[in-house]
């Protein structure tokens, strides 16, 4: 009878396996097709951005080192050859790796300890089990695999750049003629590291289509187990973090007892020893927290800058742009109707406290009052502006403008000007509207109002927004 039980058991297991595969296939078909194209586009874009930024950093660092080599050859030729003869080949090697195309099989790559990329890689690998012949899925997985290859090269390049920075500062810091080049290397290495980190963080932000696909995948019972088993931490420990499987490989890691024994050997076993250890740990923790507060974006102490960094230098051009607009009303006079200036503007954040930009406005006529409302076109304006943070949410705002508004109500004014200039200066108050939008109110004084013919109001009140 035992063979019969064995056959029945095997039949049940096979049926469960087939049912699980059918369930996975059915759920994977619910994933929107746009998800795969969105993932592919996102991975390819990050790949291009990382490649361009790394090539730019390598080229700049290579030029700095070439200049330093020429200067050092005049002082110490032997040290110059020892420090720089092989570095140019290393720079070229990394640039060649960035341009090379790999032929690795999608889904067979090594995880890179970049959460957004690794999570996406595992999700696509899981979905492939149920629908491995879907062209869009294979294309997106191929793009993510190529991105992982690029990240592995970037990790090597980043480590090389930091090593070169530390070596050159240690060996050549005593030469005053090389101080400018060393400063340039330090800045380039620091800003490169920060910009790569920001690009990775932007990649980790999930779009709406990605969140929807993830919600569908999480409804599959085997998804969480698969993600835990194939996570980066599981690959390091050689274990299934979701439960079951072989025990974690902790070889080489010190146990608590070993750490305590080492402390006793160094400091003794008395109460004073424990107090000394606690005090030292508290001081070290306080020092680390202080450093983290000053440089929250650093991955390790080796990236600590020896200069005061400008946090905007690591931002890309598009990340520095601010879009917005404002509206301003002017009362009616015997020369002009009531007008509403509707403006749009774009600003460039050149400093963490400062924004400069340009804009344009349209003058909409509203008539001579509530009894004589009439919509008309009254002109246009060209603007430039600068905002500088004073304190908290208060900013100093100034700018130069050219406004076109012909006089047509009372055209008999002698020497009437259609184009007038304005030099504005005042205070702006900003406030938060939502996570992506801010509002502002500006009170400005026009220092050229007295030269306008006919004369205009000297004080401008504007209400605006930016995002």
Protein backbone atom coordinates (compact mmCIF):
# COMPACT_ATOMS: atom_id res chain seq x y z
CA UNK A 1 0.00 0.00 0.00
CA UNK A 2 2.92 2.35 0.57
CA UNK A 3 3.65 2.81 -3.17
CA UNK A 4 0.03 3.91 -3.63
CA UNK A 5 0.37 6.55 -0.86
CA UNK A 6 3.60 7.71 -2.45
CA UNK A 7 1.98 8.07 -5.87
CA UNK A 8 -0.98 9.97 -4.38
CA UNK A 9 1.36 12.30 -2.51
CA UNK A 10 3.37 13.02 -5.66
CA UNK A 11 0.16 13.63 -7.60
CA UNK A 12 -1.06 16.15 -4.98
CA UNK A 13 2.30 17.98 -4.98
CA UNK A 14 2.31 18.19 -8.76
CA UNK A 15 -1.26 19.46 -8.77
CA UNK A 16 -0.37 22.14 -6.21
CA UNK A 17 2.66 23.16 -8.27
CA UNK A 18 0.59 23.45 -11.45
CA UNK A 19 -2.09 25.42 -9.58
CA UNK A 20 0.56 27.78 -8.18
CA UNK A 21 2.04 28.33 -11.64
CA UNK A 22 -1.39 28.98 -13.14
CA UNK A 23 -2.14 31.44 -10.31
CA UNK A 24 1.16 33.24 -10.88
CA UNK A 25 0.54 33.36 -14.63
CA UNK A 26 -2.96 34.76 -14.10
CA UNK A 27 -1.76 37.44 -11.67
CA UNK A 28 1.20 38.42 -13.85
CA UNK A 29 -1.19 39.00 -16.75
CA UNK A 30 -2.93 41.63 -14.61
CA UNK A 31 0.23 43.75 -14.62
CA UNK A 32 -0.34 46.68 -17.04
CA UNK A 33 1.78 46.50 -20.18
CA UNK A 34 2.69 50.16 -19.70
CA UNK A 35 4.52 49.15 -16.52
CA UNK A 36 7.20 47.29 -18.46
CA UNK A 37 7.78 50.13 -20.94
CA UNK A 38 7.89 52.65 -18.06
CA UNK A 39 10.49 50.54 -16.23
CA UNK A 40 12.59 50.19 -19.37
CA UNK A 41 12.51 53.93 -20.06
CA UNK A 42 13.36 54.72 -16.43
CA UNK A 43 16.30 52.28 -16.32
CA UNK A 44 17.69 53.43 -19.66
CA UNK A 45 17.45 57.09 -18.60
CA UNK A 46 19.36 56.47 -15.35
CA UNK A 47 21.94 54.44 -17.26
CA UNK A 48 22.57 57.35 -19.63
CA UNK A 49 22.68 59.93 -16.83
CA UNK A 50 25.13 57.91 -14.72
CA UNK A 51 27.34 57.23 -17.73
CA UNK A 52 27.46 60.90 -18.76
CA UNK A 53 28.14 62.16 -15.23
CA UNK A 54 30.86 59.56 -14.57
CA UNK A 55 32.60 60.26 -17.89
CA UNK A 56 32.54 63.98 -17.09
CA UNK A 57 34.05 63.38 -13.64
CA UNK A 58 36.77 61.06 -14.99
CA UNK A 59 37.71 63.56 -17.72
CA UNK A 60 37.96 66.44 -15.24
CA UNK A 61 39.99 64.42 -12.74
CA UNK A 62 42.32 63.21 -15.48
CA UNK A 63 42.96 66.83 -16.54
CA UNK A 64 43.67 67.87 -12.96
CA UNK A 65 46.15 65.04 -12.55
CA UNK A 66 47.85 65.82 -15.87
CA UNK A 67 48.39 69.43 -14.76
CA UNK A 68 49.70 68.28 -11.38
CA UNK A 69 52.10 65.88 -13.04
CA UNK A 70 53.60 68.64 -15.19
CA UNK A 71 54.08 70.88 -12.15
CA UNK A 72 55.51 68.09 -9.98
CA UNK A 73 57.95 66.99 -12.71
CA UNK A 74 59.75 70.29 -12.21
CA UNK A 75 60.11 69.68 -8.47
CA UNK A 76 60.35 65.89 -8.01
CA UNK A 77 60.28 63.87 -11.23
CA UNK A 78 60.58 60.47 -9.54
CA UNK A 79 57.55 61.10 -7.31
CA UNK A 80 55.61 62.45 -10.27
CA UNK A 81 56.22 59.26 -12.26
CA UNK A 82 55.35 57.05 -9.29
CA UNK A 83 52.06 58.84 -8.64
CA UNK A 84 50.76 59.59 -12.14
CA UNK A 85 52.23 57.15 -14.69
CA UNK A 86 49.53 54.49 -14.21
CA UNK A 87 46.60 56.70 -13.24
CA UNK A 88 45.86 57.92 -16.78
CA UNK A 89 45.59 54.31 -17.96
CA UNK A 90 43.14 53.63 -15.13
CA UNK A 91 40.99 56.61 -16.13
CA UNK A 92 40.95 55.37 -19.73
CA UNK A 93 40.09 51.85 -18.59
CA UNK A 94 37.05 53.03 -16.64
CA UNK A 95 35.83 55.15 -19.57
CA UNK A 96 36.14 52.12 -21.87
CA UNK A 97 34.14 50.01 -19.42
CA UNK A 98 31.38 52.63 -19.34
CA UNK A 99 31.05 52.54 -23.12
CA UNK A 100 31.29 48.75 -23.48
CA UNK A 101 28.15 46.67 -23.92
CA UNK A 102 27.76 43.45 -21.95
CA UNK A 103 26.12 40.24 -23.12
CA UNK A 104 24.96 38.97 -19.74
CA UNK A 105 21.74 36.99 -19.61
CA UNK A 106 18.87 39.09 -18.15
CA UNK A 107 18.03 37.91 -14.64
CA UNK A 108 21.46 36.40 -13.97
CA UNK A 109 23.22 39.49 -12.63
CA UNK A 110 24.62 40.26 -9.15
CA UNK A 111 22.69 42.63 -6.87
CA UNK A 112 24.28 46.07 -6.37
CA UNK A 113 23.05 47.24 -2.94
CA UNK A 114 20.98 49.95 -4.67
CA UNK A 115 17.50 49.33 -3.17
CA UNK A 116 15.39 50.77 -5.98
CA UNK A 117 17.28 48.90 -8.70
CA UNK A 118 17.62 45.60 -6.82
CA UNK A 119 13.94 45.56 -5.83
CA UNK A 120 12.90 46.20 -9.43
CA UNK A 121 15.26 43.49 -10.68
CA UNK A 122 13.80 40.91 -8.27
CA UNK A 123 10.21 41.90 -9.09
CA UNK A 124 10.79 41.45 -12.82
CA UNK A 125 12.55 38.12 -12.21
CA UNK A 126 9.58 36.92 -10.18
CA UNK A 127 7.07 37.96 -12.85
CA UNK A 128 9.15 36.23 -15.49
CA UNK A 129 8.44 32.87 -13.84
CA UNK A 130 4.82 33.13 -14.81
CA UNK A 131 5.19 34.79 -18.22
CA UNK A 132 8.73 34.38 -19.52
CA UNK A 133 7.80 34.88 -23.20
CA UNK A 134 6.39 38.40 -22.85
CA UNK A 135 8.57 40.70 -25.04
CA UNK A 136 7.98 43.83 -22.94
CA UNK A 137 8.98 42.04 -19.73
CA UNK A 138 12.19 40.68 -21.26
CA UNK A 139 13.10 44.11 -22.65
CA UNK A 140 12.61 45.82 -19.30
CA UNK A 141 14.58 43.10 -17.49
CA UNK A 142 17.38 43.50 -20.03
CA UNK A 143 17.50 47.25 -19.34
CA UNK A 144 17.56 46.76 -15.56
CA UNK A 145 20.30 44.13 -15.90
CA UNK A 146 22.37 46.56 -17.99
CA UNK A 147 21.82 49.20 -15.32
CA UNK A 148 23.10 46.82 -12.65
CA UNK A 149 26.23 46.23 -14.72
CA UNK A 150 26.73 50.00 -14.96
CA UNK A 151 26.26 50.43 -11.21
CA UNK A 152 28.90 47.79 -10.52
CA UNK A 153 31.37 49.74 -12.71
CA UNK A 154 30.38 52.97 -10.97
CA UNK A 155 31.10 51.44 -7.56
CA UNK A 156 34.61 50.58 -8.77
CA UNK A 157 35.09 54.05 -10.24
CA UNK A 158 33.82 55.72 -7.08
CA UNK A 159 36.23 53.70 -4.91
CA UNK A 160 39.12 54.53 -7.27
CA UNK A 161 38.29 58.26 -7.23
CA UNK A 162 38.17 58.33 -3.42
CA UNK A 163 41.44 56.41 -3.16
CA UNK A 164 43.17 58.78 -5.58
CA UNK A 165 41.82 61.80 -3.73
CA UNK A 166 43.09 60.56 -0.38
CA UNK A 167 46.47 59.49 -1.80
CA UNK A 168 47.15 62.77 -3.61
CA UNK A 169 46.13 64.86 -0.61
CA UNK A 170 48.42 62.84 1.64
CA UNK A 171 51.41 62.86 -0.74
CA UNK A 172 51.16 66.31 -2.31
CA UNK A 173 49.55 68.46 0.37
CA UNK A 174 52.97 69.91 1.25
CA UNK A 175 53.41 71.50 -2.20
CA UNK A 176 51.74 74.96 -2.25
CA UNK A 177 51.88 75.16 -6.06
CA UNK A 178 49.55 72.15 -6.26
CA UNK A 179 46.98 73.45 -3.75
CA UNK A 180 44.61 74.73 -6.45
CA UNK A 181 44.61 71.43 -8.34
CA UNK A 182 44.09 69.42 -5.15
CA UNK A 183 41.15 71.62 -4.25
CA UNK A 184 39.66 71.02 -7.70
CA UNK A 185 40.05 67.25 -7.29
CA UNK A 186 38.43 67.33 -3.83
CA UNK A 187 35.46 69.31 -5.13
CA UNK A 188 34.94 67.17 -8.22
CA UNK A 189 35.11 63.92 -6.21
CA UNK A 190 32.65 65.20 -3.61
CA UNK A 191 30.09 66.67 -6.03
CA UNK A 192 30.27 63.59 -8.26
CA UNK A 193 29.46 61.32 -5.31
CA UNK A 194 26.54 63.50 -4.24
CA UNK A 195 25.03 63.76 -7.71
CA UNK A 196 25.20 59.99 -8.27
CA UNK A 197 23.46 59.47 -4.93
CA UNK A 198 20.69 61.93 -5.89
CA UNK A 199 20.18 60.18 -9.22
CA UNK A 200 19.77 56.84 -7.43
CA UNK A 201 17.31 58.33 -4.93
CA UNK A 202 15.24 59.85 -7.75
CA UNK A 203 15.15 56.42 -9.42
CA UNK A 204 13.80 54.85 -6.20
CA UNK A 205 10.74 57.12 -6.23
CA UNK A 206 7.95 54.97 -7.65
CA UNK A 207 5.52 56.35 -10.21
CA UNK A 208 1.81 55.60 -10.21
CA UNK A 209 2.07 52.73 -12.70
CA UNK A 210 4.87 51.14 -10.63
CA UNK A 211 2.85 51.33 -7.41
CA UNK A 212 -0.11 49.68 -9.14
CA UNK A 213 2.04 46.82 -10.47
CA UNK A 214 3.61 46.33 -7.03
CA UNK A 215 0.17 46.10 -5.40
CA UNK A 216 -0.82 43.34 -7.83
CA UNK A 217 2.45 41.46 -7.28
CA UNK A 218 2.11 41.61 -3.49
CA UNK A 219 -1.21 39.77 -3.74
CA UNK A 220 0.67 36.71 -5.03
CA UNK A 221 1.52 34.54 -1.98
CA UNK A 222 4.97 33.52 -3.22
CA UNK A 223 6.10 37.11 -3.99
CA UNK A 224 7.26 38.10 -0.50
CA UNK A 225 9.11 34.82 -0.03
CA UNK A 226 10.85 35.29 -3.36
CA UNK A 227 11.87 38.86 -2.54
CA UNK A 228 13.25 37.86 0.87
CA UNK A 229 15.19 34.93 -0.56
CA UNK A 230 16.77 36.96 -3.37
CA UNK A 231 17.40 40.24 -1.54
CA UNK A 232 20.84 41.80 -1.30
CA UNK A 233 21.16 40.88 2.40
CA UNK A 234 20.23 37.27 1.67
CA UNK A 235 22.91 37.15 -1.04
CA UNK A 236 25.49 38.37 1.48
CA UNK A 237 24.54 35.88 4.22
CA UNK A 238 23.81 33.02 1.86
CA UNK A 239 20.44 32.40 3.49
CA UNK A 240 16.70 32.62 3.02
CA UNK A 241 15.59 35.58 5.14
CA UNK A 242 11.98 34.66 4.62
CA UNK A 243 12.37 31.51 6.72
CA UNK A 244 13.55 28.00 6.03
CA UNK A 245 16.62 27.01 4.09
CA UNK A 246 20.14 26.73 5.43
CA UNK A 247 21.42 28.77 8.33
CA UNK A 248 23.07 32.18 7.72
CA UNK A 249 26.78 32.17 7.02
CA UNK A 250 28.17 34.24 9.90
CA UNK A 251 31.75 33.09 9.60
CA UNK A 252 34.19 35.88 10.49
CA UNK A 253 31.66 37.94 12.47
CA UNK A 254 32.54 38.55 16.12
CA UNK A 255 30.15 37.34 18.81
CA UNK A 256 29.07 39.44 21.78
CA UNK A 257 31.21 37.28 24.13
CA UNK A 258 34.29 37.83 21.95
CA UNK A 259 33.76 41.60 21.96
CA UNK A 260 33.37 41.66 25.75
CA UNK A 261 36.50 39.52 26.19
CA UNK A 262 38.49 41.89 23.96
CA UNK A 263 37.34 44.91 26.03
CA UNK A 264 38.35 43.18 29.28
CA UNK A 265 41.80 42.43 27.87
CA UNK A 266 42.29 46.07 26.94
CA UNK A 267 40.67 47.87 29.88
CA UNK A 268 40.29 45.29 32.66
CA UNK A 269 37.12 43.88 34.19
CA UNK A 270 36.40 46.38 36.96
CA UNK A 271 33.43 48.78 37.15
CA UNK A 272 35.67 51.61 36.01
CA UNK A 273 36.34 49.77 32.76
CA UNK A 274 32.65 49.49 31.93
CA UNK A 275 32.14 53.14 32.79
CA UNK A 276 35.08 54.14 30.57
CA UNK A 277 33.68 52.13 27.65
CA UNK A 278 30.21 53.68 28.09
CA UNK A 279 31.67 57.18 28.25
CA UNK A 280 33.82 56.62 25.17
CA UNK A 281 30.88 55.22 23.22
CA UNK A 282 28.70 58.19 24.21
CA UNK A 283 31.38 60.64 23.08
CA UNK A 284 31.90 58.78 19.80
CA UNK A 285 28.14 58.66 19.16
CA UNK A 286 27.80 62.39 19.84
CA UNK A 287 30.66 63.15 17.45
CA UNK A 288 29.17 60.97 14.70
CA UNK A 289 25.76 62.60 15.12
CA UNK A 290 27.38 66.02 14.80
CA UNK A 291 29.13 65.00 11.58
CA UNK A 292 25.94 63.47 10.20
CA UNK A 293 24.02 66.68 10.88
CA UNK A 294 26.61 68.67 8.93
CA UNK A 295 26.93 66.20 6.04
CA UNK A 296 23.77 64.04 5.97
CA UNK A 297 24.36 62.80 2.42
CA UNK A 298 27.74 61.13 2.99
CA UNK A 299 28.01 57.34 2.72
CA UNK A 300 31.24 57.06 4.70
CA UNK A 301 33.87 59.14 6.45
CA UNK A 302 36.26 58.84 3.49
CA UNK A 303 34.02 61.25 1.54
CA UNK A 304 34.27 64.02 4.16
CA UNK A 305 35.04 67.26 2.25
CA UNK A 306 37.94 69.48 3.35
CA UNK A 307 36.14 72.56 2.02
CA UNK A 308 32.75 74.19 2.54
CA UNK A 309 30.51 72.53 -0.07
CA UNK A 310 27.80 74.31 -2.03
CA UNK A 311 24.83 71.94 -1.90
CA UNK A 312 23.50 73.30 -5.21
CA UNK A 313 26.60 72.20 -7.15
CA UNK A 314 25.47 68.58 -7.04
CA UNK A 315 22.07 69.46 -8.54
CA UNK A 316 21.46 69.03 -12.23
CA UNK A 317 20.33 72.02 -14.30
CA UNK A 318 16.69 70.91 -14.47
CA UNK A 319 16.63 70.27 -10.71
CA UNK A 320 17.58 73.90 -10.11
CA UNK A 321 14.68 75.33 -12.10
CA UNK A 322 11.59 76.71 -10.38
CA UNK A 323 8.39 77.44 -12.28
CA UNK A 324 5.71 79.82 -11.11
CA UNK A 325 3.64 82.90 -11.69
CA UNK A 326 1.83 85.75 -9.98
CA UNK A 327 -1.03 88.18 -10.38
CA UNK A 328 -1.15 91.93 -9.70
CA UNK A 329 -4.03 94.42 -9.85
CA UNK A 330 -3.85 98.16 -10.64
CA UNK A 331 -6.69 100.61 -10.01
CA UNK A 332 -8.22 102.59 -12.85
CA UNK A 333 -7.18 106.19 -13.55
CA UNK A 334 -8.19 108.83 -16.06
CA UNK A 335 -5.60 107.33 -18.42
CA UNK A 336 -5.82 103.58 -17.82
CA UNK A 337 -8.62 101.15 -16.97
CA UNK A 338 -8.42 98.72 -14.06
CA UNK A 339 -5.88 96.09 -15.07
CA UNK A 340 -4.76 92.67 -13.92
CA UNK A 341 -1.17 91.65 -14.70
CA UNK A 342 -1.04 87.87 -15.11
CA UNK A 343 2.57 86.67 -15.20
CA UNK A 344 4.50 83.44 -15.64
CA UNK A 345 8.14 83.04 -14.70
CA UNK A 346 11.02 80.60 -14.50
CA UNK A 347 13.82 80.85 -11.93
CA UNK A 348 17.26 79.31 -11.57
CA UNK A 349 18.42 78.44 -8.05
CA UNK A 350 22.05 79.62 -8.11
CA UNK A 351 22.47 79.28 -4.32
CA UNK A 352 20.60 77.53 -1.52
CA UNK A 353 19.31 80.98 -0.48
CA UNK A 354 19.02 82.64 -3.89
CA UNK A 355 16.95 82.41 -7.09
CA UNK A 356 17.28 84.49 -10.26
CA UNK A 357 14.95 84.33 -13.22
CA UNK A 358 12.92 85.90 -16.00
CA UNK A 359 9.23 86.13 -16.82
CA UNK A 360 6.55 87.69 -18.96
CA UNK A 361 3.18 89.23 -18.13
CA UNK A 362 -0.07 90.01 -19.91
CA UNK A 363 -2.17 93.07 -18.97
CA UNK A 364 -5.85 92.25 -18.91
CA UNK A 365 -8.17 95.28 -18.83
CA UNK A 366 -11.24 95.05 -16.54
CA UNK A 367 -12.97 98.37 -17.28
CA UNK A 368 -13.55 101.52 -15.20
CA UNK A 369 -15.20 99.96 -12.18
CA UNK A 370 -18.01 97.60 -11.14
CA UNK A 371 -20.52 99.64 -13.15
CA UNK A 372 -18.38 99.67 -16.28
CA UNK A 373 -16.78 96.23 -16.51
CA UNK A 374 -15.19 95.69 -19.91
CA UNK A 375 -12.61 93.06 -20.81
CA UNK A 376 -9.82 94.37 -23.02
CA UNK A 377 -6.20 93.74 -23.92
CA UNK A 378 -4.03 96.45 -22.38
CA UNK A 379 -0.46 95.37 -23.10
CA UNK A 380 2.33 93.10 -21.93
CA UNK A 381 5.53 93.13 -19.88
CA UNK A 382 8.99 91.55 -19.69
CA UNK A 383 10.49 90.85 -16.27
CA UNK A 384 13.66 89.82 -14.49
CA UNK A 385 13.93 89.13 -10.76
CA UNK A 386 16.15 87.96 -7.91
CA UNK A 387 15.04 86.41 -4.59
CA UNK A 388 17.41 86.18 -1.64
CA UNK A 389 16.44 84.53 1.64
CA UNK A 390 16.58 86.84 4.66
CA UNK A 391 15.20 84.67 7.46
CA UNK A 392 12.82 81.71 7.69
CA UNK A 393 10.19 82.33 4.97
CA UNK A 394 10.98 86.01 4.27
CA UNK A 395 12.92 86.95 1.12
CA UNK A 396 14.35 90.12 -0.35
CA UNK A 397 12.86 90.48 -3.82
CA UNK A 398 14.04 92.83 -6.56
CA UNK A 399 13.93 93.11 -10.32
CA UNK A 400 13.87 95.15 -13.50
CA UNK A 401 10.85 95.26 -15.81
CA UNK A 402 9.71 96.74 -19.11
CA UNK A 403 5.95 97.26 -19.53
CA UNK A 404 4.02 98.11 -22.68
CA UNK A 405 0.65 99.86 -22.13
CA UNK A 406 -0.65 102.43 -24.63
CA UNK A 407 -2.77 105.33 -23.37
CA UNK A 408 -6.16 105.25 -25.10
CA UNK A 409 -8.68 106.62 -22.57
CA UNK A 410 -7.22 110.13 -22.64
CA UNK A 411 -4.82 110.21 -25.61
CA UNK A 412 -4.28 113.99 -25.33
CA UNK A 413 -1.51 113.50 -22.70
CA UNK A 414 1.69 115.15 -23.98
CA UNK A 415 4.76 112.91 -24.30
CA UNK A 416 2.82 109.84 -23.21
CA UNK A 417 5.00 106.70 -23.03
CA UNK A 418 3.86 103.31 -24.22
CA UNK A 419 6.98 101.54 -22.85
CA UNK A 420 7.92 102.25 -19.23
CA UNK A 421 10.74 100.88 -17.08
CA UNK A 422 10.40 99.75 -13.46
CA UNK A 423 13.10 99.10 -10.84
CA UNK A 424 11.45 97.13 -8.03
CA UNK A 425 12.61 96.21 -4.53
CA UNK A 426 10.67 94.80 -1.61
CA UNK A 427 9.84 91.89 0.68
CA UNK A 428 8.40 88.52 -0.26
CA UNK A 429 6.73 86.07 2.12
CA UNK A 430 6.56 82.41 1.06
CA UNK A 431 4.24 79.77 2.48
CA UNK A 432 3.58 76.10 1.81
CA UNK A 433 0.47 75.15 -0.15
CA UNK A 434 1.20 71.46 -0.77
CA UNK A 435 4.14 69.09 -1.03
CA UNK A 436 4.98 70.35 -4.53
CA UNK A 437 3.62 73.91 -4.49
CA UNK A 438 4.45 77.06 -2.53
CA UNK A 439 2.56 80.34 -2.45
CA UNK A 440 3.98 83.84 -1.95
CA UNK A 441 2.94 87.45 -1.36
CA UNK A 442 5.22 90.32 -2.47
CA UNK A 443 5.12 93.99 -1.52
CA UNK A 444 7.36 96.02 -3.87
CA UNK A 445 8.28 99.65 -4.43
CA UNK A 446 8.96 101.03 -7.93
CA UNK A 447 11.86 103.50 -7.77
CA UNK A 448 11.17 104.74 -11.34
CA UNK A 449 7.45 105.43 -10.96
CA UNK A 450 8.04 109.21 -10.90
CA UNK A 451 9.52 109.13 -14.41
CA UNK A 452 6.48 107.49 -15.98
CA UNK A 453 4.22 109.59 -18.22
CA UNK A 454 1.47 109.37 -17.20
CA UNK A 455 2.54 108.48 -13.65
CA UNK A 456 1.74 105.01 -12.26
CA UNK A 457 1.36 103.66 -8.71
CA UNK A 458 4.68 103.29 -6.86
CA UNK A 459 3.61 100.30 -4.72
CA UNK A 460 2.94 96.83 -6.21
CA UNK A 461 1.20 93.98 -4.39
CA UNK A 462 1.57 90.58 -6.01
CA UNK A 463 0.26 87.15 -5.10
CA UNK A 464 1.95 84.17 -6.67
CA UNK A 465 2.97 80.52 -6.56
CA UNK A 466 5.89 78.32 -7.61
CA UNK A 467 6.67 74.62 -7.82
